[in-house]
């Protein structure tokens, strides 16, 4: 494969522009990428420099000094950071800060170079978008690094060339020896190119993250950065809406009897809210809720959807004879205009996994604030998130005996994955070993977008001797305020198989199973926020501790989860 001159020029221009972005980003503290703390990955510092200074002042560990001792290159830096991240995640729950730092420092203070600095497995980032990865490379601290590097390269090249020529002219080296030196020089050049490529990839990754942050809340006036952020947002948004253009996802939702019948019962059995009213369906999909509302006697129904399924919905509406009473509009709620100034009722099926996944509620609240008439209703009006402890050892035990064979290596990988990835699955009521307590209540008629990121305390208590492997979250949905006949449904594990919903439940597996007696509790705090790169995804941080009914409280464990 060979590039044309125009293609190679384009690559050069792009790379040069990216280098300029990197320099600008490095020189401006406000634009530096947030950096996760050495010991507490859920804690973010404003920049790499601040993170490293904090490590010195709070933990007494000078990572710069340590990396100078071993003369880290970029590969060493990446391997060391990933090793540190992995060790922290593995030992955080059972080790205090002082002891953990001692363990982390030990291999770097030994007489021999740490073995993991040669292990390419540690070139794979342990944490996504880790700005610390290249930071321990000795080359990264030079104030005039580009000048220094270019001088070093020139000096090395000229010195090696001069040495070879002098040696050859003096007859000190044979042709075979010169060929060997040339080959060695070529290997060094290739290694340098690989290092530069790796640094470039790290820069691009961090800059992408910085651009996303800028596009979400910055007044950055640089066109290049703004365009990059907008393009990224448009790509993720387009992918989201494209997914709802596929028939399969609508089949899954319409087949969810609990979900669909709850909306049907609300619309058909509450004439005081629906009959002769103007109704708006946000995210109308196939138009099923619009037709329920029209059947219930709504004066007119407006449905909005950005995905291509709305083309099918128009045909469905016409086929069922509602084309004069239902108007479907294709577009984003935030960008379209309705033919009316006010609506009496907003209805929407906006809920995602863990209730808030996909962030569709934002659009519903936008519509509420723009079009809902005084005294109008936004339904469902009440959603409650719950959390409980569950025993799920049986799933992992599956790998102990698979047709007579042990598959424990896979069991270990499954367990490790579950430490960071929430599991969206159906669980059974018999697995619940604690009470289920409310975590967050959303009043959809008053809640603000900013309140959809939150920190909520919880305490779940065991009613009997048990083992708790995970914290399980589900949610209840209510159509209540002003209703003639309120409707409430649950996505919880207590539902029989016939009443399971497509939302399932979301499990957060604990770093270690907790053996509990009756009266013991697990208490802590859940932090829920939007993911920086894609605000439709969720970042969840859970801090928890075992609190025995008798005895001392256990260590606080910090876990970071990504729901993507």
Protein backbone atom coordinates (compact mmCIF):
# COMPACT_ATOMS: atom_id res chain seq x y z
CA UNK A 1 0.00 0.00 0.00
CA UNK A 2 1.47 3.38 -1.02
CA UNK A 3 0.12 6.86 -0.47
CA UNK A 4 -0.04 9.40 -3.24
CA UNK A 5 1.79 12.67 -2.81
CA UNK A 6 -1.46 14.46 -2.03
CA UNK A 7 -2.40 11.85 0.58
CA UNK A 8 0.98 12.01 2.26
CA UNK A 9 0.82 15.81 2.30
CA UNK A 10 -2.58 15.61 3.94
CA UNK A 11 -1.25 13.30 6.60
CA UNK A 12 1.62 15.66 7.22
CA UNK A 13 -0.65 18.66 7.57
CA UNK A 14 -2.94 16.74 9.89
CA UNK A 15 -0.06 15.54 12.02
CA UNK A 16 1.44 19.02 12.15
CA UNK A 17 -1.89 20.47 13.22
CA UNK A 18 -2.24 17.80 15.85
CA UNK A 19 1.26 18.56 17.15
CA UNK A 20 0.32 22.23 17.39
CA UNK A 21 -2.85 21.31 19.28
CA UNK A 22 -0.76 19.20 21.65
CA UNK A 23 1.66 22.07 22.32
CA UNK A 24 -1.17 24.53 22.90
CA UNK A 25 -2.91 22.05 25.15
CA UNK A 26 0.25 21.42 27.15
CA UNK A 27 0.96 25.11 27.64
CA UNK A 28 -2.52 25.94 28.86
CA UNK A 29 -3.26 24.50 32.32
CA UNK A 30 -6.99 25.05 31.81
CA UNK A 31 -6.96 22.72 28.83
CA UNK A 32 -4.95 19.90 30.34
CA UNK A 33 -6.74 16.60 30.53
CA UNK A 34 -8.08 15.56 33.94
CA UNK A 35 -5.86 12.89 35.51
CA UNK A 36 -6.97 10.12 37.83
CA UNK A 37 -5.35 9.98 41.26
CA UNK A 38 -2.67 7.37 41.94
CA UNK A 39 -4.65 5.58 44.68
CA UNK A 40 -8.24 6.70 44.12
CA UNK A 41 -9.12 6.27 40.46
CA UNK A 42 -12.51 7.90 40.89
CA UNK A 43 -10.79 11.10 42.04
CA UNK A 44 -9.64 13.43 39.27
CA UNK A 45 -6.93 16.10 39.35
CA UNK A 46 -6.99 19.01 36.93
CA UNK A 47 -3.75 17.97 35.22
CA UNK A 48 -0.92 15.45 35.22
CA UNK A 49 1.37 17.91 37.00
CA UNK A 50 -1.11 18.48 39.82
CA UNK A 51 -1.64 14.72 40.14
CA UNK A 52 2.08 14.05 40.48
CA UNK A 53 2.56 16.89 42.99
CA UNK A 54 -0.36 15.53 45.02
CA UNK A 55 1.31 12.11 45.03
CA UNK A 56 4.42 13.69 46.58
CA UNK A 57 2.64 15.80 49.21
CA UNK A 58 -0.08 13.32 50.21
CA UNK A 59 1.53 9.92 49.67
CA UNK A 60 5.22 10.79 49.97
CA UNK A 61 6.10 9.22 46.61
CA UNK A 62 8.02 11.21 44.02
CA UNK A 63 7.25 9.44 40.74
CA UNK A 64 9.48 11.80 38.78
CA UNK A 65 12.47 10.91 40.96
CA UNK A 66 11.63 7.23 40.68
CA UNK A 67 11.41 7.35 36.88
CA UNK A 68 14.68 9.30 36.64
CA UNK A 69 16.38 6.59 38.68
CA UNK A 70 15.43 4.00 36.08
CA UNK A 71 15.72 6.39 33.08
CA UNK A 72 12.20 5.63 31.86
CA UNK A 73 11.45 5.87 28.16
CA UNK A 74 7.87 6.11 26.89
CA UNK A 75 7.41 2.31 26.99
CA UNK A 76 8.65 2.15 30.57
CA UNK A 77 6.29 4.96 31.56
CA UNK A 78 3.24 3.24 30.06
CA UNK A 79 4.10 -0.14 31.55
CA UNK A 80 4.78 1.34 34.99
CA UNK A 81 1.56 3.36 35.08
CA UNK A 82 -0.56 0.42 33.96
CA UNK A 83 1.11 -1.86 36.52
CA UNK A 84 0.44 0.70 39.27
CA UNK A 85 -3.20 1.10 38.17
CA UNK A 86 -3.76 -2.65 38.18
CA UNK A 87 -2.12 -3.18 41.57
CA UNK A 88 -4.20 -0.37 43.10
CA UNK A 89 -7.45 -1.83 41.74
CA UNK A 90 -6.51 -5.27 43.05
CA UNK A 91 -5.43 -4.20 46.55
CA UNK A 92 -7.36 -1.00 47.29
CA UNK A 93 -10.17 -2.73 49.14
CA UNK A 94 -7.98 -4.55 51.65
CA UNK A 95 -5.01 -2.21 52.17
CA UNK A 96 -4.66 1.24 53.71
CA UNK A 97 -2.94 4.08 51.83
CA UNK A 98 0.43 3.82 53.58
CA UNK A 99 0.79 0.08 53.10
CA UNK A 100 -0.40 0.26 49.49
CA UNK A 101 2.18 2.94 48.63
CA UNK A 102 4.87 0.80 50.29
CA UNK A 103 3.90 -2.15 48.11
CA UNK A 104 3.85 -0.03 44.97
CA UNK A 105 7.28 1.47 45.67
CA UNK A 106 8.95 -1.83 46.55
CA UNK A 107 9.77 -3.11 43.03
CA UNK A 108 11.13 0.29 41.99
CA UNK A 109 13.44 0.40 45.02
CA UNK A 110 14.85 -3.09 44.46
CA UNK A 111 18.34 -3.64 43.07
CA UNK A 112 17.11 -5.11 39.79
CA UNK A 113 14.92 -3.45 37.20
CA UNK A 114 11.24 -4.46 37.71
CA UNK A 115 10.29 -7.40 35.50
CA UNK A 116 6.99 -5.85 34.42
CA UNK A 117 8.89 -3.07 32.60
CA UNK A 118 9.63 -5.72 29.96
CA UNK A 119 6.10 -7.15 29.88
CA UNK A 120 4.22 -5.94 26.78
CA UNK A 121 0.92 -6.89 28.40
CA UNK A 122 1.26 -3.64 30.36
CA UNK A 123 1.27 -1.58 27.16
CA UNK A 124 -2.50 -2.09 27.07
CA UNK A 125 -4.15 0.80 28.99
CA UNK A 126 -5.65 -0.42 32.26
CA UNK A 127 -7.86 2.68 32.61
CA UNK A 128 -9.47 4.36 29.59
CA UNK A 129 -8.08 7.77 28.54
CA UNK A 130 -5.36 7.67 31.18
CA UNK A 131 -3.47 10.96 30.83
CA UNK A 132 -0.75 9.69 33.16
CA UNK A 133 0.49 7.00 30.75
CA UNK A 134 3.27 9.00 28.99
CA UNK A 135 3.97 11.31 31.93
CA UNK A 136 6.78 9.32 33.58
CA UNK A 137 8.97 9.25 30.49
CA UNK A 138 12.15 11.25 31.17
CA UNK A 139 11.81 12.97 27.78
CA UNK A 140 8.45 14.47 28.82
CA UNK A 141 9.95 16.84 31.42
CA UNK A 142 12.43 18.81 29.29
CA UNK A 143 11.40 22.43 29.03
CA UNK A 144 12.75 22.60 25.51
CA UNK A 145 12.16 19.00 24.62
CA UNK A 146 11.71 19.44 20.88
CA UNK A 147 14.99 21.34 20.60
CA UNK A 148 16.77 18.87 22.86
CA UNK A 149 15.41 15.87 20.99
CA UNK A 150 16.29 17.26 17.60
CA UNK A 151 19.80 18.13 18.81
CA UNK A 152 20.21 14.65 20.27
CA UNK A 153 19.09 13.05 17.04
CA UNK A 154 21.39 15.25 14.96
CA UNK A 155 24.33 14.71 17.32
CA UNK A 156 23.77 10.96 17.40
CA UNK A 157 23.38 10.75 13.65
CA UNK A 158 26.42 12.90 12.88
CA UNK A 159 28.51 11.17 15.52
CA UNK A 160 27.60 7.71 14.33
CA UNK A 161 28.17 8.69 10.71
CA UNK A 162 31.51 10.34 11.49
CA UNK A 163 32.57 7.38 13.60
CA UNK A 164 31.80 4.93 10.85
CA UNK A 165 33.55 6.97 8.19
CA UNK A 166 36.64 7.54 10.39
CA UNK A 167 36.82 3.93 11.42
CA UNK A 168 36.46 2.79 7.84
CA UNK A 169 39.12 5.19 6.57
CA UNK A 170 41.54 4.07 9.28
CA UNK A 171 40.86 0.48 8.51
CA UNK A 172 39.81 -0.26 12.06
CA UNK A 173 36.45 -1.83 11.12
CA UNK A 174 35.79 -4.50 8.57
CA UNK A 175 32.98 -4.27 6.07
CA UNK A 176 31.05 -6.88 8.04
CA UNK A 177 31.41 -4.80 11.22
CA UNK A 178 30.24 -1.68 9.43
CA UNK A 179 27.22 -3.58 8.06
CA UNK A 180 26.46 -4.76 11.60
CA UNK A 181 26.59 -1.19 12.94
CA UNK A 182 24.38 0.02 10.12
CA UNK A 183 21.84 -2.70 10.89
CA UNK A 184 21.94 -1.80 14.57
CA UNK A 185 21.47 1.86 13.69
CA UNK A 186 18.45 0.95 11.58
CA UNK A 187 16.93 -1.02 14.47
CA UNK A 188 17.38 1.99 16.75
CA UNK A 189 15.69 4.21 14.17
CA UNK A 190 12.76 1.81 13.93
CA UNK A 191 12.46 1.72 17.73
CA UNK A 192 12.43 5.53 17.78
CA UNK A 193 9.69 5.58 15.15
CA UNK A 194 7.61 3.15 17.20
CA UNK A 195 8.08 5.33 20.28
CA UNK A 196 7.03 8.43 18.37
CA UNK A 197 3.97 6.62 17.00
CA UNK A 198 3.01 5.51 20.51
CA UNK A 199 3.44 9.04 21.87
CA UNK A 200 1.35 10.38 19.00
CA UNK A 201 -1.42 7.88 19.71
CA UNK A 202 -1.41 8.86 23.38
CA UNK A 203 -1.56 12.55 22.45
CA UNK A 204 -4.49 12.00 20.10
CA UNK A 205 -6.39 9.99 22.71
CA UNK A 206 -5.94 12.66 25.37
CA UNK A 207 -6.70 15.50 22.97
CA UNK A 208 -9.89 13.74 21.85
CA UNK A 209 -10.96 13.64 25.48
CA UNK A 210 -10.08 17.32 25.94
CA UNK A 211 -12.02 18.28 22.80
CA UNK A 212 -15.07 16.44 24.09
CA UNK A 213 -14.89 18.33 27.39
CA UNK A 214 -14.51 21.63 25.55
CA UNK A 215 -17.45 20.96 23.27
CA UNK A 216 -19.66 20.22 26.27
CA UNK A 217 -19.03 23.29 28.34
CA UNK A 218 -16.41 25.61 26.94
CA UNK A 219 -16.45 28.84 25.01
CA UNK A 220 -13.31 27.81 23.12
CA UNK A 221 -13.15 30.02 20.09
CA UNK A 222 -10.64 27.97 18.11
CA UNK A 223 -12.52 26.67 15.09
CA UNK A 224 -10.48 23.50 14.81
CA UNK A 225 -11.19 22.37 18.36
CA UNK A 226 -14.85 23.31 18.13
CA UNK A 227 -15.32 21.49 14.84
CA UNK A 228 -13.62 18.38 16.22
CA UNK A 229 -15.84 18.32 19.29
CA UNK A 230 -19.01 18.89 17.26
CA UNK A 231 -18.06 16.19 14.75
CA UNK A 232 -17.46 13.75 17.58
CA UNK A 233 -20.79 14.61 19.18
CA UNK A 234 -22.59 14.25 15.86
CA UNK A 235 -21.04 10.84 15.24
CA UNK A 236 -22.12 9.50 18.63
CA UNK A 237 -25.56 11.06 18.29
CA UNK A 238 -25.99 9.68 14.77
CA UNK A 239 -25.08 6.22 15.97
CA UNK A 240 -27.62 6.52 18.78
CA UNK A 241 -30.47 7.57 16.48
CA UNK A 242 -29.48 5.00 13.84
CA UNK A 243 -29.91 2.24 16.43
CA UNK A 244 -33.56 3.25 16.85
CA UNK A 245 -34.08 3.09 13.10
CA UNK A 246 -33.76 -0.70 13.26
CA UNK A 247 -36.88 -2.85 13.62
CA UNK A 248 -35.38 -5.26 16.15
CA UNK A 249 -35.18 -2.76 19.00
CA UNK A 250 -38.83 -1.79 18.52
CA UNK A 251 -39.87 -5.43 18.50
CA UNK A 252 -38.10 -5.85 21.84
CA UNK A 253 -39.85 -2.82 23.38
CA UNK A 254 -43.31 -3.62 22.00
CA UNK A 255 -42.93 -7.21 23.19
CA UNK A 256 -42.26 -5.96 26.71
CA UNK A 257 -45.80 -6.51 27.97
CA UNK A 258 -45.30 -4.81 31.34
CA UNK A 259 -43.95 -1.64 29.72
CA UNK A 260 -46.43 -1.38 26.84
CA UNK A 261 -49.53 -2.27 28.85
CA UNK A 262 -48.61 0.24 31.57
CA UNK A 263 -48.59 3.06 29.02
CA UNK A 264 -51.74 1.74 27.38
CA UNK A 265 -53.58 1.53 30.72
CA UNK A 266 -52.51 5.03 31.70
CA UNK A 267 -53.64 6.58 28.39
CA UNK A 268 -56.92 4.66 28.07
CA UNK A 269 -58.03 4.86 31.71
CA UNK A 270 -57.33 8.52 32.56
CA UNK A 271 -59.76 10.58 30.50
CA UNK A 272 -59.33 13.67 32.67
CA UNK A 273 -55.72 13.90 31.46
CA UNK A 274 -56.15 12.68 27.87
CA UNK A 275 -59.65 13.20 26.42
CA UNK A 276 -59.91 16.38 24.31
CA UNK A 277 -56.32 17.28 25.23
CA UNK A 278 -53.29 18.10 23.06
CA UNK A 279 -50.72 15.36 23.66
CA UNK A 280 -47.00 15.27 22.82
CA UNK A 281 -45.07 11.98 22.57
CA UNK A 282 -41.29 12.54 22.82
CA UNK A 283 -39.43 9.76 21.03
CA UNK A 284 -42.53 8.27 19.43
CA UNK A 285 -40.86 5.34 17.63
CA UNK A 286 -43.51 3.24 15.87
CA UNK A 287 -46.25 5.59 17.11
CA UNK A 288 -47.85 3.12 19.52
CA UNK A 289 -48.31 5.67 22.33
CA UNK A 290 -49.65 8.25 19.87
CA UNK A 291 -52.31 5.78 18.75
CA UNK A 292 -53.21 4.87 22.34
CA UNK A 293 -53.70 8.59 23.04
CA UNK A 294 -55.79 9.11 19.89
CA UNK A 295 -57.90 6.08 20.74
CA UNK A 296 -58.46 7.56 24.22
CA UNK A 297 -59.97 10.70 22.67
CA UNK A 298 -57.08 13.19 22.53
CA UNK A 299 -57.91 16.24 20.45
CA UNK A 300 -54.61 16.03 18.64
CA UNK A 301 -51.37 14.11 19.17
CA UNK A 302 -47.89 15.19 18.10
CA UNK A 303 -45.06 12.67 17.94
CA UNK A 304 -41.37 13.54 17.57
CA UNK A 305 -38.57 11.16 16.63
CA UNK A 306 -35.16 11.63 15.04
CA UNK A 307 -34.70 8.08 13.78
CA UNK A 308 -35.80 6.70 10.42
CA UNK A 309 -38.47 4.55 12.10
CA UNK A 310 -40.74 7.59 11.94
CA UNK A 311 -41.20 6.97 8.20
CA UNK A 312 -42.72 3.59 9.06
CA UNK A 313 -44.70 5.20 11.90
CA UNK A 314 -46.41 7.57 9.45
CA UNK A 315 -47.57 4.61 7.36
CA UNK A 316 -48.72 2.78 10.50
CA UNK A 317 -50.73 5.80 11.66
CA UNK A 318 -52.38 6.12 8.25
CA UNK A 319 -53.11 2.40 8.06
CA UNK A 320 -54.98 2.63 11.37
CA UNK A 321 -56.97 5.71 10.34
CA UNK A 322 -55.37 8.29 12.67
CA UNK A 323 -53.66 10.47 10.06
CA UNK A 324 -56.00 13.42 10.76
CA UNK A 325 -55.42 13.37 14.53
CA UNK A 326 -51.75 12.40 14.75
CA UNK A 327 -48.92 14.54 13.37
CA UNK A 328 -45.45 13.01 13.31
CA UNK A 329 -42.38 15.25 13.08
CA UNK A 330 -38.89 14.02 12.28
CA UNK A 331 -36.08 15.83 14.09
CA UNK A 332 -34.43 16.45 17.43
CA UNK A 333 -36.73 17.80 20.11
CA UNK A 334 -34.28 20.61 20.78
CA UNK A 335 -34.30 21.74 17.13
CA UNK A 336 -37.87 21.39 15.83
CA UNK A 337 -40.92 23.62 16.31
CA UNK A 338 -44.45 22.39 17.02
CA UNK A 339 -47.46 23.80 15.18
CA UNK A 340 -48.89 24.72 18.61
CA UNK A 341 -47.52 26.83 21.43
CA UNK A 342 -48.65 24.59 24.30
CA UNK A 343 -49.56 20.97 24.97
CA UNK A 344 -51.63 19.59 27.85
CA UNK A 345 -49.84 16.27 28.30
CA UNK A 346 -46.34 15.02 27.54
CA UNK A 347 -45.89 11.26 27.50
CA UNK A 348 -42.61 9.53 26.77
CA UNK A 349 -40.94 6.17 27.26
CA UNK A 350 -37.48 7.61 27.95
CA UNK A 351 -36.09 5.16 30.52
CA UNK A 352 -32.84 3.27 29.87
CA UNK A 353 -30.77 0.73 31.75
CA UNK A 354 -30.18 1.91 35.31
CA UNK A 355 -33.03 4.33 34.52
CA UNK A 356 -30.79 7.12 33.17
CA UNK A 357 -28.70 5.35 30.52
CA UNK A 358 -29.03 7.10 27.12
CA UNK A 359 -29.92 10.47 28.76
CA UNK A 360 -33.20 10.70 26.84
CA UNK A 361 -34.85 12.34 29.83
CA UNK A 362 -32.93 15.52 28.92
CA UNK A 363 -35.06 15.89 25.78
CA UNK A 364 -38.27 15.26 27.71
CA UNK A 365 -37.38 18.00 30.20
CA UNK A 366 -36.55 20.35 27.33
CA UNK A 367 -40.00 19.69 25.83
CA UNK A 368 -41.62 20.13 29.26
CA UNK A 369 -40.02 23.51 29.84
CA UNK A 370 -40.78 24.74 26.31
CA UNK A 371 -44.28 23.46 25.53
CA UNK A 372 -46.11 22.12 28.60
CA UNK A 373 -49.06 24.33 29.51
CA UNK A 374 -49.52 25.49 33.13
CA UNK A 375 -51.27 22.70 34.99
CA UNK A 376 -50.27 20.18 32.30
CA UNK A 377 -48.80 16.79 33.10
CA UNK A 378 -45.51 15.08 32.19
CA UNK A 379 -45.89 11.30 32.36
CA UNK A 380 -44.60 9.12 33.86
CA UNK A 381 -44.22 11.61 36.68
CA UNK A 382 -42.36 9.58 39.30
CA UNK A 383 -39.40 7.20 38.92
CA UNK A 384 -37.54 5.63 41.83
CA UNK A 385 -34.17 3.88 41.74
CA UNK A 386 -33.51 1.12 44.30
CA UNK A 387 -30.44 -0.78 45.42
CA UNK A 388 -30.12 -4.14 47.22
CA UNK A 389 -27.48 -6.78 47.90
CA UNK A 390 -27.55 -10.11 46.04
CA UNK A 391 -25.87 -13.51 46.23
CA UNK A 392 -24.69 -14.45 42.73
CA UNK A 393 -21.94 -16.95 43.42
CA UNK A 394 -23.66 -19.56 41.29
CA UNK A 395 -22.90 -17.76 38.03
CA UNK A 396 -19.18 -17.80 38.64
CA UNK A 397 -19.25 -21.38 39.98
CA UNK A 398 -20.39 -22.47 36.52
CA UNK A 399 -16.76 -22.29 35.37
CA UNK A 400 -15.57 -24.70 38.08
CA UNK A 401 -17.08 -27.72 36.34
CA UNK A 402 -17.94 -27.47 32.64
CA UNK A 403 -18.74 -30.99 31.47
CA UNK A 404 -16.21 -32.30 33.95
CA UNK A 405 -13.48 -29.76 33.15
CA UNK A 406 -12.29 -26.86 35.28
CA UNK A 407 -12.22 -23.50 33.49
CA UNK A 408 -10.96 -21.39 36.37
CA UNK A 409 -8.84 -19.10 34.11
CA UNK A 410 -12.06 -17.90 32.48
CA UNK A 411 -13.71 -17.60 35.88
CA UNK A 412 -10.96 -15.20 36.93
CA UNK A 413 -11.42 -13.08 33.79
CA UNK A 414 -15.19 -12.96 34.24
CA UNK A 415 -14.78 -11.86 37.86
CA UNK A 416 -12.22 -9.20 36.91
CA UNK A 417 -14.44 -7.84 34.15
CA UNK A 418 -17.37 -7.60 36.50
CA UNK A 419 -15.34 -5.36 38.82
CA UNK A 420 -15.62 -2.51 36.27
CA UNK A 421 -18.47 -3.40 33.91
CA UNK A 422 -22.02 -3.30 35.30
CA UNK A 423 -23.95 -6.45 34.36
CA UNK A 424 -27.40 -5.83 32.84
CA UNK A 425 -29.18 -9.15 33.32
CA UNK A 426 -32.28 -10.75 34.83
CA UNK A 427 -31.85 -11.79 38.46
CA UNK A 428 -34.23 -13.75 40.68
CA UNK A 429 -35.93 -12.68 43.89
CA UNK A 430 -34.32 -15.55 45.80
CA UNK A 431 -30.89 -14.04 45.11
CA UNK A 432 -31.71 -10.84 47.01
CA UNK A 433 -30.13 -11.07 50.49
CA UNK A 434 -30.79 -7.56 51.89
CA UNK A 435 -33.61 -5.08 51.92
CA UNK A 436 -34.06 -2.94 48.79
CA UNK A 437 -33.75 0.76 49.63
CA UNK A 438 -34.55 3.85 47.54
CA UNK A 439 -31.44 5.40 46.03
CA UNK A 440 -32.90 8.29 44.03
CA UNK A 441 -36.43 9.60 43.37
CA UNK A 442 -37.09 11.66 40.23
CA UNK A 443 -40.15 13.88 39.96
CA UNK A 444 -40.36 14.34 36.21
CA UNK A 445 -42.53 17.44 36.52
CA UNK A 446 -39.98 19.39 38.56
CA UNK A 447 -36.52 17.77 38.17
CA UNK A 448 -33.77 19.75 36.41
CA UNK A 449 -31.18 18.32 34.01
CA UNK A 450 -28.39 19.11 36.46
CA UNK A 451 -30.01 16.87 39.07
CA UNK A 452 -29.62 13.81 36.82
CA UNK A 453 -25.98 13.60 37.93
CA UNK A 454 -25.95 12.92 41.64
CA UNK A 455 -24.32 11.43 44.72
CA UNK A 456 -26.65 9.30 46.83
CA UNK A 457 -25.97 7.47 50.12
CA UNK A 458 -27.35 3.98 50.74
CA UNK A 459 -27.42 1.32 53.47
CA UNK A 460 -28.71 -2.20 52.77
CA UNK A 461 -29.16 -4.61 55.68
CA UNK A 462 -29.10 -8.41 55.69
CA UNK A 463 -32.06 -10.17 57.27
CA UNK A 464 -30.20 -13.47 57.64
CA UNK A 465 -26.78 -15.05 57.37
CA UNK A 466 -25.72 -14.74 53.75
CA UNK A 467 -23.03 -13.85 51.23
CA UNK A 468 -23.33 -10.64 49.23
CA UNK A 469 -21.56 -10.65 45.84
CA UNK A 470 -23.01 -7.55 44.22
CA UNK A 471 -25.23 -4.51 44.59
CA UNK A 472 -28.30 -4.71 42.37
CA UNK A 473 -30.23 -1.70 41.07
CA UNK A 474 -33.70 -1.57 39.56
CA UNK A 475 -36.36 1.13 39.21
CA UNK A 476 -40.11 1.62 39.58
CA UNK A 477 -42.15 3.84 37.25
CA UNK A 478 -45.34 5.61 38.26
CA UNK A 479 -48.15 7.48 36.47
CA UNK A 480 -49.75 9.02 39.54
CA UNK A 481 -50.27 12.77 39.93
CA UNK A 482 -53.76 13.84 38.83
CA UNK A 483 -54.67 10.39 37.53
CA UNK A 484 -58.16 8.88 37.64
CA UNK A 485 -56.49 5.47 37.83
CA UNK A 486 -52.79 5.55 38.75
CA UNK A 487 -50.47 2.99 37.14
CA UNK A 488 -47.18 1.75 38.61
CA UNK A 489 -44.81 -0.94 37.37
CA UNK A 490 -41.45 -2.30 38.53
CA UNK A 491 -38.34 -3.59 36.80
CA UNK A 492 -37.24 -5.41 39.96
CA UNK A 493 -36.17 -9.03 40.40
CA UNK A 494 -39.26 -9.90 42.43
CA UNK A 495 -41.35 -9.93 39.24
CA UNK A 496 -42.30 -13.40 37.91
CA UNK A 497 -40.82 -14.53 34.61
CA UNK A 498 -43.95 -13.44 32.76
CA UNK A 499 -43.53 -9.87 34.02
CA UNK A 500 -39.87 -9.35 33.29
CA UNK A 501 -39.03 -6.14 31.45
CA UNK A 502 -36.43 -5.47 28.76
CA UNK A 503 -34.65 -3.12 31.20
CA UNK A 504 -33.69 -6.12 33.37
CA UNK A 505 -31.62 -5.09 36.44
CA UNK A 506 -28.10 -3.66 36.73
CA UNK A 507 -25.57 -5.40 39.00
CA UNK A 508 -22.36 -3.87 40.37
CA UNK A 509 -20.09 -6.68 41.53
CA UNK A 510 -18.11 -6.06 44.69
CA UNK A 511 -14.33 -6.46 44.68
CA UNK A 512 -14.75 -9.25 47.18
CA UNK A 513 -17.76 -11.18 48.44
CA UNK A 514 -19.03 -10.06 51.85
CA UNK A 515 -20.02 -12.69 54.40
CA UNK A 516 -22.86 -11.19 56.42
CA UNK A 517 -24.80 -12.06 59.53
CA UNK A 518 -28.36 -10.95 60.23
CA UNK A 519 -28.27 -7.23 60.99
CA UNK A 520 -25.01 -6.61 59.10
CA UNK A 521 -25.10 -3.83 56.54
CA UNK A 522 -23.29 -2.59 53.48
CA UNK A 523 -23.36 1.17 53.39
CA UNK A 524 -21.82 3.69 51.10
CA UNK A 525 -22.35 6.29 48.41
CA UNK A 526 -23.08 5.98 44.70
CA UNK A 527 -21.86 8.74 42.38
CA UNK A 528 -23.60 8.73 38.99
CA UNK A 529 -22.51 11.03 36.16
CA UNK A 530 -22.48 11.22 32.38
CA UNK A 531 -19.45 9.84 30.58
CA UNK A 532 -17.20 12.60 29.24
CA UNK A 533 -16.79 11.13 25.75
CA UNK A 534 -20.44 10.17 25.26
CA UNK A 535 -22.96 11.80 27.59
CA UNK A 536 -25.49 9.08 26.81
CA UNK A 537 -23.25 6.63 28.68
CA UNK A 538 -22.80 6.59 32.46
CA UNK A 539 -19.84 6.64 34.82
CA UNK A 540 -20.61 5.19 38.25
CA UNK A 541 -18.37 5.33 41.30
CA UNK A 542 -19.39 3.32 44.36
CA UNK A 543 -17.74 3.72 47.76
CA UNK A 544 -18.86 1.03 50.17
CA UNK A 545 -17.96 -0.70 53.42
CA UNK A 546 -19.15 -3.73 55.38
CA UNK A 547 -20.71 -2.63 58.68
CA UNK A 548 -21.18 -5.63 61.01
CA UNK A 549 -23.98 -5.51 63.54
CA UNK A 550 -21.29 -6.38 66.08
CA UNK A 551 -17.72 -5.22 65.59
CA UNK A 552 -15.73 -2.60 63.73
CA UNK A 553 -16.61 -1.12 60.36
CA UNK A 554 -14.55 -2.53 57.49
CA UNK A 555 -12.31 -0.63 55.09
CA UNK A 556 -14.00 1.64 52.55
CA UNK A 557 -13.75 0.19 49.05
CA UNK A 558 -13.73 2.42 45.95
CA UNK A 559 -14.93 0.98 42.63
CA UNK A 560 -15.34 2.64 39.25
CA UNK A 561 -17.85 1.32 36.69
CA UNK A 562 -18.60 2.35 33.10
CA UNK A 563 -22.05 1.66 31.64
CA UNK A 564 -21.48 1.89 27.89
